[in-house]
Amino acid sequence: MFTKDHKLIAPSILSADFARLADEVAAVEAAGADVIHVDVMDGHFVPNLTIGPVVVEWVRKVTDLPLDCHLMITNPDQYIGEFIEAGADCVTVHQEACPHLHRTVQLIREEGAKAGRKVMTGVSINPATPVETLGEILPDLDMVLIMSVNPGFGGQKFIPGALDKIRRLKAMIDARGLSTYIEVDGGIKADNIAEVAGAGAEVFVAGSAVFNAPDYKASISALRAGL
């Protein structure tokens, strides 16, 4: 499970070579990854199609690292149970996709209990969504994922405005005495991770910065050097 002992690097398999996915996951684990981030896209909520619970089930078989499943999908309630059964340790849904967000967050907890384990609840917000929209649900969350690019594709450039959102979210969490993680996804590189961490982030999703590098260990070490 996630730990507050240190800041966490979460390579996103969106940028991995799916023809050899098991080897890719094993390689980033050996290179020092803390979490495996799984981007799930439905071609409706975001303009891309990726993977489903079956892939998560196979990834679960080849790693003991926490699986952080980011559901960029419409109607996530319909699939939450399947992803948890497949082995997800954290399920993150989008505030923009959930008209009854409290119900969805409770469903993650209930499905985790059915599976006999603690599953972290996460909510993500897009670049144009203010962090203040999470004020009522924040005490019920284990993690908030700030999107620092518009979701749908890897390899995009970090949106600088995300830094102020991270700071505001950090202030909200601290003011309430909560232990909610702040995760950031999109355009994380060795040359900006220090600034993102300084704003208050604790979990860093890196896709192309890791999987497009010739040496995974060196790329993860370079990211960690900024923390």
C-alpha atoms as a PDB file:
ATOM      1  CA  MET A   1       0.000   0.000   0.000  1.00  0.00           C
ATOM      2  CA  PHE A   2       1.008   3.622  -0.304  1.00  0.00           C
ATOM      3  CA  THR A   3       3.301   5.050   2.356  1.00  0.00           C
ATOM      4  CA  LYS A   4       3.928   8.558   3.644  1.00  0.00           C
ATOM      5  CA  ASP A   5       7.555   7.685   4.393  1.00  0.00           C
ATOM      6  CA  HIS A   6       8.712   9.280   1.159  1.00  0.00           C
ATOM      7  CA  LYS A   7       7.378  10.780  -2.056  1.00  0.00           C
ATOM      8  CA  LEU A   8       6.318   8.200  -4.607  1.00  0.00           C
ATOM      9  CA  ILE A   9       7.184   7.702  -8.271  1.00  0.00           C
ATOM     10  CA  ALA A  10       4.362   6.068 -10.248  1.00  0.00           C
ATOM     11  CA  PRO A  11       5.307   5.113 -13.826  1.00  0.00           C
ATOM     12  CA  SER A  12       2.265   5.042 -16.098  1.00  0.00           C
ATOM     13  CA  ILE A  13       2.025   1.969 -18.294  1.00  0.00           C
ATOM     14  CA  LEU A  14       0.226   4.100 -20.885  1.00  0.00           C
ATOM     15  CA  SER A  15       3.714   4.750 -22.294  1.00  0.00           C
ATOM     16  CA  ALA A  16       4.953   1.162 -21.944  1.00  0.00           C
ATOM     17  CA  ASP A  17       5.484  -1.342 -24.748  1.00  0.00           C
ATOM     18  CA  PHE A  18       2.306  -3.429 -24.510  1.00  0.00           C
ATOM     19  CA  ALA A  19       3.829  -6.205 -26.592  1.00  0.00           C
ATOM     20  CA  ARG A  20       6.062  -6.910 -23.583  1.00  0.00           C
ATOM     21  CA  LEU A  21       4.054  -5.394 -20.770  1.00  0.00           C
ATOM     22  CA  ALA A  22       5.024  -7.931 -18.109  1.00  0.00           C
ATOM     23  CA  ASP A  23       8.708  -7.261 -18.779  1.00  0.00           C
ATOM     24  CA  GLU A  24       8.118  -3.500 -18.742  1.00  0.00           C
ATOM     25  CA  VAL A  25       6.382  -3.625 -15.358  1.00  0.00           C
ATOM     26  CA  ALA A  26       9.126  -5.841 -13.928  1.00  0.00           C
ATOM     27  CA  ALA A  27      11.767  -3.480 -15.300  1.00  0.00           C
ATOM     28  CA  VAL A  28      10.353  -0.319 -13.692  1.00  0.00           C
ATOM     29  CA  GLU A  29       9.841  -2.182 -10.415  1.00  0.00           C
ATOM     30  CA  ALA A  30      13.500  -3.229 -10.472  1.00  0.00           C
ATOM     31  CA  ALA A  31      14.441   0.352 -11.388  1.00  0.00           C
ATOM     32  CA  GLY A  32      12.888   1.721  -8.207  1.00  0.00           C
ATOM     33  CA  ALA A  33       9.253   2.547  -8.981  1.00  0.00           C
ATOM     34  CA  ASP A  34       6.956   2.812  -5.957  1.00  0.00           C
ATOM     35  CA  VAL A  35       3.580   2.446  -7.683  1.00  0.00           C
ATOM     36  CA  ILE A  36       2.295   1.256 -11.064  1.00  0.00           C
ATOM     37  CA  HIS A  37      -0.152   3.765 -12.553  1.00  0.00           C
ATOM     38  CA  VAL A  38      -2.820   2.369 -14.880  1.00  0.00           C
ATOM     39  CA  ASP A  39      -4.600   4.836 -17.174  1.00  0.00           C
ATOM     40  CA  VAL A  40      -8.032   3.544 -18.180  1.00  0.00           C
ATOM     41  CA  MET A  41      -9.737   5.453 -21.012  1.00  0.00           C
ATOM     42  CA  ASP A  42     -13.063   4.763 -22.681  1.00  0.00           C
ATOM     43  CA  GLY A  43     -13.013   6.905 -25.831  1.00  0.00           C
ATOM     44  CA  HIS A  44     -15.991   8.839 -24.456  1.00  0.00           C
ATOM     45  CA  PHE A  45     -14.959  10.758 -21.353  1.00  0.00           C
ATOM     46  CA  VAL A  46     -11.543  11.228 -22.976  1.00  0.00           C
ATOM     47  CA  PRO A  47     -10.635  10.949 -26.682  1.00  0.00           C
ATOM     48  CA  ASN A  48      -8.692   7.700 -26.470  1.00  0.00           C
ATOM     49  CA  LEU A  49      -9.195   3.999 -25.762  1.00  0.00           C
ATOM     50  CA  THR A  50      -6.805   2.009 -23.596  1.00  0.00           C
ATOM     51  CA  ILE A  51      -7.309  -0.982 -21.327  1.00  0.00           C
ATOM     52  CA  GLY A  52      -9.750  -2.730 -19.031  1.00  0.00           C
ATOM     53  CA  PRO A  53      -9.811  -4.984 -15.969  1.00  0.00           C
ATOM     54  CA  VAL A  54      -8.276  -7.972 -17.774  1.00  0.00           C
ATOM     55  CA  VAL A  55      -4.996  -6.122 -18.266  1.00  0.00           C
ATOM     56  CA  VAL A  56      -5.022  -5.041 -14.620  1.00  0.00           C
ATOM     57  CA  GLU A  57      -5.507  -8.689 -13.628  1.00  0.00           C
ATOM     58  CA  TRP A  58      -2.407  -9.707 -15.596  1.00  0.00           C
ATOM     59  CA  VAL A  59      -0.322  -6.832 -14.272  1.00  0.00           C
ATOM     60  CA  ARG A  60      -1.319  -7.871 -10.748  1.00  0.00           C
ATOM     61  CA  LYS A  61       0.230 -11.285 -11.398  1.00  0.00           C
ATOM     62  CA  VAL A  62       3.667  -9.871 -12.216  1.00  0.00           C
ATOM     63  CA  THR A  63       4.175  -7.231  -9.495  1.00  0.00           C
ATOM     64  CA  ASP A  64       3.599  -6.677  -5.796  1.00  0.00           C
ATOM     65  CA  LEU A  65       3.684  -2.896  -6.196  1.00  0.00           C
ATOM     66  CA  PRO A  66       0.439  -1.004  -5.557  1.00  0.00           C
ATOM     67  CA  LEU A  67      -1.738  -0.694  -8.663  1.00  0.00           C
ATOM     68  CA  ASP A  68      -3.149   2.808  -9.006  1.00  0.00           C
ATOM     69  CA  CYS A  69      -6.085   2.621 -11.450  1.00  0.00           C
ATOM     70  CA  HIS A  70      -7.126   5.977 -12.878  1.00  0.00           C
ATOM     71  CA  LEU A  71     -10.576   5.605 -14.445  1.00  0.00           C
ATOM     72  CA  MET A  72     -11.000   8.248 -17.124  1.00  0.00           C
ATOM     73  CA  ILE A  73     -14.382   6.842 -18.053  1.00  0.00           C
ATOM     74  CA  THR A  74     -18.058   7.660 -18.084  1.00  0.00           C
ATOM     75  CA  ASN A  75     -20.200   5.709 -15.591  1.00  0.00           C
ATOM     76  CA  PRO A  76     -17.281   4.428 -13.478  1.00  0.00           C
ATOM     77  CA  ASP A  77     -19.703   2.899 -10.942  1.00  0.00           C
ATOM     78  CA  GLN A  78     -20.407   0.172 -13.485  1.00  0.00           C
ATOM     79  CA  TYR A  79     -16.782  -1.013 -13.500  1.00  0.00           C
ATOM     80  CA  ILE A  80     -15.328  -0.216 -10.079  1.00  0.00           C
ATOM     81  CA  GLY A  81     -16.001  -3.708  -8.742  1.00  0.00           C
ATOM     82  CA  GLU A  82     -14.294  -5.325 -11.723  1.00  0.00           C
ATOM     83  CA  PHE A  83     -11.134  -3.272 -11.330  1.00  0.00           C
ATOM     84  CA  ILE A  84     -10.958  -4.022  -7.610  1.00  0.00           C
ATOM     85  CA  GLU A  85     -11.509  -7.719  -8.235  1.00  0.00           C
ATOM     86  CA  ALA A  86      -8.725  -7.581 -10.839  1.00  0.00           C
ATOM     87  CA  GLY A  87      -6.310  -6.271  -8.198  1.00  0.00           C
ATOM     88  CA  ALA A  88      -6.514  -2.473  -8.033  1.00  0.00           C
ATOM     89  CA  ASP A  89      -5.144  -1.044  -4.772  1.00  0.00           C
ATOM     90  CA  CYS A  90      -6.379   2.480  -5.505  1.00  0.00           C
ATOM     91  CA  VAL A  91      -9.321   3.456  -7.700  1.00  0.00           C
ATOM     92  CA  THR A  92      -9.480   7.061  -8.858  1.00  0.00           C
ATOM     93  CA  VAL A  93     -12.554   8.451 -10.606  1.00  0.00           C
ATOM     94  CA  HIS A  94     -13.109  11.855 -12.179  1.00  0.00           C
ATOM     95  CA  GLN A  95     -15.188  14.437 -10.387  1.00  0.00           C
ATOM     96  CA  GLU A  96     -16.452  15.555 -13.810  1.00  0.00           C
ATOM     97  CA  ALA A  97     -17.757  12.059 -14.637  1.00  0.00           C
ATOM     98  CA  CYS A  98     -19.615  11.443 -11.359  1.00  0.00           C
ATOM     99  CA  PRO A  99     -22.904  13.291 -10.782  1.00  0.00           C
ATOM    100  CA  HIS A 100     -23.223  11.534  -7.406  1.00  0.00           C
ATOM    101  CA  LEU A 101     -19.588  11.604  -6.330  1.00  0.00           C
ATOM    102  CA  HIS A 102     -20.159  10.705  -2.680  1.00  0.00           C
ATOM    103  CA  ARG A 103     -22.046   7.571  -3.735  1.00  0.00           C
ATOM    104  CA  THR A 104     -19.209   6.606  -6.090  1.00  0.00           C
ATOM    105  CA  VAL A 105     -16.562   7.093  -3.399  1.00  0.00           C
ATOM    106  CA  GLN A 106     -18.562   4.952  -0.981  1.00  0.00           C
ATOM    107  CA  LEU A 107     -18.883   2.277  -3.678  1.00  0.00           C
ATOM    108  CA  ILE A 108     -15.097   2.037  -3.924  1.00  0.00           C
ATOM    109  CA  ARG A 109     -14.920   1.401  -0.178  1.00  0.00           C
ATOM    110  CA  GLU A 110     -17.737  -1.145  -0.291  1.00  0.00           C
ATOM    111  CA  GLU A 111     -16.247  -3.065  -3.202  1.00  0.00           C
ATOM    112  CA  GLY A 112     -12.876  -3.103  -1.466  1.00  0.00           C
ATOM    113  CA  ALA A 113     -14.495  -4.515   1.659  1.00  0.00           C
ATOM    114  CA  LYS A 114     -16.159  -7.221  -0.452  1.00  0.00           C
ATOM    115  CA  ALA A 115     -12.735  -8.124  -1.815  1.00  0.00           C
ATOM    116  CA  GLY A 116     -11.435  -8.339   1.746  1.00  0.00           C
ATOM    117  CA  ARG A 117      -8.908  -5.524   1.601  1.00  0.00           C
ATOM    118  CA  LYS A 118      -8.495  -1.778   1.920  1.00  0.00           C
ATOM    119  CA  VAL A 119      -8.771  -0.041  -1.440  1.00  0.00           C
ATOM    120  CA  MET A 120      -7.807   3.607  -1.546  1.00  0.00           C
ATOM    121  CA  THR A 121     -10.385   6.082  -2.802  1.00  0.00           C
ATOM    122  CA  GLY A 122      -9.208   8.721  -5.239  1.00  0.00           C
ATOM    123  CA  VAL A 123     -10.815  11.575  -7.143  1.00  0.00           C
ATOM    124  CA  SER A 124      -9.221  13.376 -10.075  1.00  0.00           C
ATOM    125  CA  ILE A 125      -9.944  16.821 -11.483  1.00  0.00           C
ATOM    126  CA  ASN A 126      -9.213  18.160 -14.944  1.00  0.00           C
ATOM    127  CA  PRO A 127      -7.136  21.313 -15.542  1.00  0.00           C
ATOM    128  CA  ALA A 128     -10.211  23.574 -15.798  1.00  0.00           C
ATOM    129  CA  THR A 129     -11.863  22.229 -12.619  1.00  0.00           C
ATOM    130  CA  PRO A 130     -11.181  24.195  -9.405  1.00  0.00           C
ATOM    131  CA  VAL A 131      -9.940  22.206  -6.399  1.00  0.00           C
ATOM    132  CA  GLU A 132     -12.625  23.933  -4.316  1.00  0.00           C
ATOM    133  CA  THR A 133     -15.247  21.677  -5.928  1.00  0.00           C
ATOM    134  CA  LEU A 134     -13.864  18.866  -3.729  1.00  0.00           C
ATOM    135  CA  GLY A 135     -14.483  20.693  -0.465  1.00  0.00           C
ATOM    136  CA  GLU A 136     -17.421  18.550   0.633  1.00  0.00           C
ATOM    137  CA  ILE A 137     -15.910  15.200  -0.347  1.00  0.00           C
ATOM    138  CA  LEU A 138     -12.291  15.793   0.704  1.00  0.00           C
ATOM    139  CA  PRO A 139     -12.568  14.119   4.160  1.00  0.00           C
ATOM    140  CA  ASP A 140     -13.714  10.919   2.434  1.00  0.00           C
ATOM    141  CA  LEU A 141     -10.739  10.706   0.069  1.00  0.00           C
ATOM    142  CA  ASP A 142      -7.418   8.939   0.413  1.00  0.00           C
ATOM    143  CA  MET A 143      -6.011  10.754  -2.609  1.00  0.00           C
ATOM    144  CA  VAL A 144      -6.705  13.627  -4.985  1.00  0.00           C
ATOM    145  CA  LEU A 145      -5.197  13.465  -8.460  1.00  0.00           C
ATOM    146  CA  ILE A 146      -4.502  16.820 -10.076  1.00  0.00           C
ATOM    147  CA  MET A 147      -4.360  16.565 -13.855  1.00  0.00           C
ATOM    148  CA  SER A 148      -1.574  18.805 -15.126  1.00  0.00           C
ATOM    149  CA  VAL A 149      -2.482  18.061 -18.743  1.00  0.00           C
ATOM    150  CA  ASN A 150      -5.831  17.542 -20.419  1.00  0.00           C
ATOM    151  CA  PRO A 151      -6.408  13.786 -20.071  1.00  0.00           C
ATOM    152  CA  GLY A 152      -6.430  11.410 -22.994  1.00  0.00           C
ATOM    153  CA  PHE A 153      -2.877  11.174 -24.301  1.00  0.00           C
ATOM    154  CA  GLY A 154       0.627  10.754 -22.958  1.00  0.00           C
ATOM    155  CA  GLY A 155       3.589  12.970 -23.728  1.00  0.00           C
ATOM    156  CA  GLN A 156       1.850  16.322 -23.194  1.00  0.00           C
ATOM    157  CA  LYS A 157       3.415  19.459 -21.722  1.00  0.00           C
ATOM    158  CA  PHE A 158       2.835  20.326 -18.054  1.00  0.00           C
ATOM    159  CA  ILE A 159       0.263  23.119 -17.544  1.00  0.00           C
ATOM    160  CA  PRO A 160       1.874  25.626 -15.138  1.00  0.00           C
ATOM    161  CA  GLY A 161      -1.452  26.612 -13.598  1.00  0.00           C
ATOM    162  CA  ALA A 162      -1.545  23.220 -11.916  1.00  0.00           C
ATOM    163  CA  LEU A 163       1.030  24.438  -9.399  1.00  0.00           C
ATOM    164  CA  ASP A 164      -1.365  26.937  -7.826  1.00  0.00           C
ATOM    165  CA  LYS A 165      -4.074  24.255  -7.692  1.00  0.00           C
ATOM    166  CA  ILE A 166      -1.687  21.942  -5.840  1.00  0.00           C
ATOM    167  CA  ARG A 167      -0.877  24.688  -3.328  1.00  0.00           C
ATOM    168  CA  ARG A 168      -4.563  25.449  -2.733  1.00  0.00           C
ATOM    169  CA  LEU A 169      -5.381  21.785  -2.315  1.00  0.00           C
ATOM    170  CA  LYS A 170      -2.486  21.327   0.111  1.00  0.00           C
ATOM    171  CA  ALA A 171      -3.804  24.249   2.172  1.00  0.00           C
ATOM    172  CA  MET A 172      -7.285  22.686   2.246  1.00  0.00           C
ATOM    173  CA  ILE A 173      -5.886  19.352   3.416  1.00  0.00           C
ATOM    174  CA  ASP A 174      -3.675  20.888   6.089  1.00  0.00           C
ATOM    175  CA  ALA A 175      -6.434  23.182   7.379  1.00  0.00           C
ATOM    176  CA  ARG A 176      -8.609  20.141   8.062  1.00  0.00           C
ATOM    177  CA  GLY A 177      -5.833  18.007   9.511  1.00  0.00           C
ATOM    178  CA  LEU A 178      -6.283  15.350   6.829  1.00  0.00           C
ATOM    179  CA  SER A 179      -3.717  12.875   5.505  1.00  0.00           C
ATOM    180  CA  THR A 180      -4.993  12.858   1.914  1.00  0.00           C
ATOM    181  CA  TYR A 181      -2.320  12.255  -0.717  1.00  0.00           C
ATOM    182  CA  ILE A 182      -1.833  14.718  -3.568  1.00  0.00           C
ATOM    183  CA  GLU A 183      -0.977  13.012  -6.843  1.00  0.00           C
ATOM    184  CA  VAL A 184      -0.057  14.824 -10.065  1.00  0.00           C
ATOM    185  CA  ASP A 185      -0.322  13.395 -13.569  1.00  0.00           C
ATOM    186  CA  GLY A 186       0.861  14.969 -16.795  1.00  0.00           C
ATOM    187  CA  GLY A 187       4.144  16.317 -18.100  1.00  0.00           C
ATOM    188  CA  ILE A 188       6.174  15.342 -15.028  1.00  0.00           C
ATOM    189  CA  LYS A 189       9.887  15.475 -15.872  1.00  0.00           C
ATOM    190  CA  ALA A 190      13.175  15.622 -14.010  1.00  0.00           C
ATOM    191  CA  ASP A 191      13.366  19.357 -14.680  1.00  0.00           C
ATOM    192  CA  ASN A 192      10.003  20.240 -13.092  1.00  0.00           C
ATOM    193  CA  ILE A 193       9.379  17.601 -10.422  1.00  0.00           C
ATOM    194  CA  ALA A 194      11.088  19.653  -7.690  1.00  0.00           C
ATOM    195  CA  GLU A 195       8.711  22.569  -8.267  1.00  0.00           C
ATOM    196  CA  VAL A 196       5.699  20.245  -8.270  1.00  0.00           C
ATOM    197  CA  ALA A 197       6.878  18.612  -5.042  1.00  0.00           C
ATOM    198  CA  GLY A 198       7.485  22.012  -3.503  1.00  0.00           C
ATOM    199  CA  ALA A 199       3.875  22.955  -4.191  1.00  0.00           C
ATOM    200  CA  GLY A 200       2.755  20.002  -2.072  1.00  0.00           C
ATOM    201  CA  ALA A 201       2.512  16.923  -4.312  1.00  0.00           C
ATOM    202  CA  GLU A 202       3.512  13.510  -2.947  1.00  0.00           C
ATOM    203  CA  VAL A 203       2.792  11.040  -5.781  1.00  0.00           C
ATOM    204  CA  PHE A 204       4.170  11.701  -9.261  1.00  0.00           C
ATOM    205  CA  VAL A 205       2.864   9.953 -12.359  1.00  0.00           C
ATOM    206  CA  ALA A 206       5.502   9.742 -15.084  1.00  0.00           C
ATOM    207  CA  GLY A 207       4.855   7.962 -18.352  1.00  0.00           C
ATOM    208  CA  SER A 208       7.061   9.076 -21.224  1.00  0.00           C
ATOM    209  CA  ALA A 209       9.701  10.417 -18.806  1.00  0.00           C
ATOM    210  CA  VAL A 210      10.311   6.814 -17.727  1.00  0.00           C
ATOM    211  CA  PHE A 211       9.269   4.483 -20.532  1.00  0.00           C
ATOM    212  CA  ASN A 212      10.695   6.592 -23.359  1.00  0.00           C
ATOM    213  CA  ALA A 213      14.099   6.704 -21.656  1.00  0.00           C
ATOM    214  CA  PRO A 214      16.814   4.189 -22.576  1.00  0.00           C
ATOM    215  CA  ASP A 215      17.596   3.469 -18.908  1.00  0.00           C
ATOM    216  CA  TYR A 216      14.597   3.173 -16.570  1.00  0.00           C
ATOM    217  CA  LYS A 217      16.714   3.158 -13.440  1.00  0.00           C
ATOM    218  CA  ALA A 218      18.489   6.341 -14.473  1.00  0.00           C
ATOM    219  CA  SER A 219      15.226   8.080 -15.378  1.00  0.00           C
ATOM    220  CA  ILE A 220      13.564   7.177 -12.069  1.00  0.00           C
ATOM    221  CA  SER A 221      16.707   8.191 -10.179  1.00  0.00           C
ATOM    222  CA  ALA A 222      16.695  11.544 -11.986  1.00  0.00           C
ATOM    223  CA  LEU A 223      13.079  12.099 -10.975  1.00  0.00           C
ATOM    224  CA  ARG A 224      13.753  11.103  -7.380  1.00  0.00           C
ATOM    225  CA  ALA A 225      16.748  13.444  -7.211  1.00  0.00           C
ATOM    226  CA  GLY A 226      14.309  16.348  -7.436  1.00  0.00           C
ATOM    227  CA  LEU A 227      12.294  15.244  -4.421  1.00  0.00           C
END
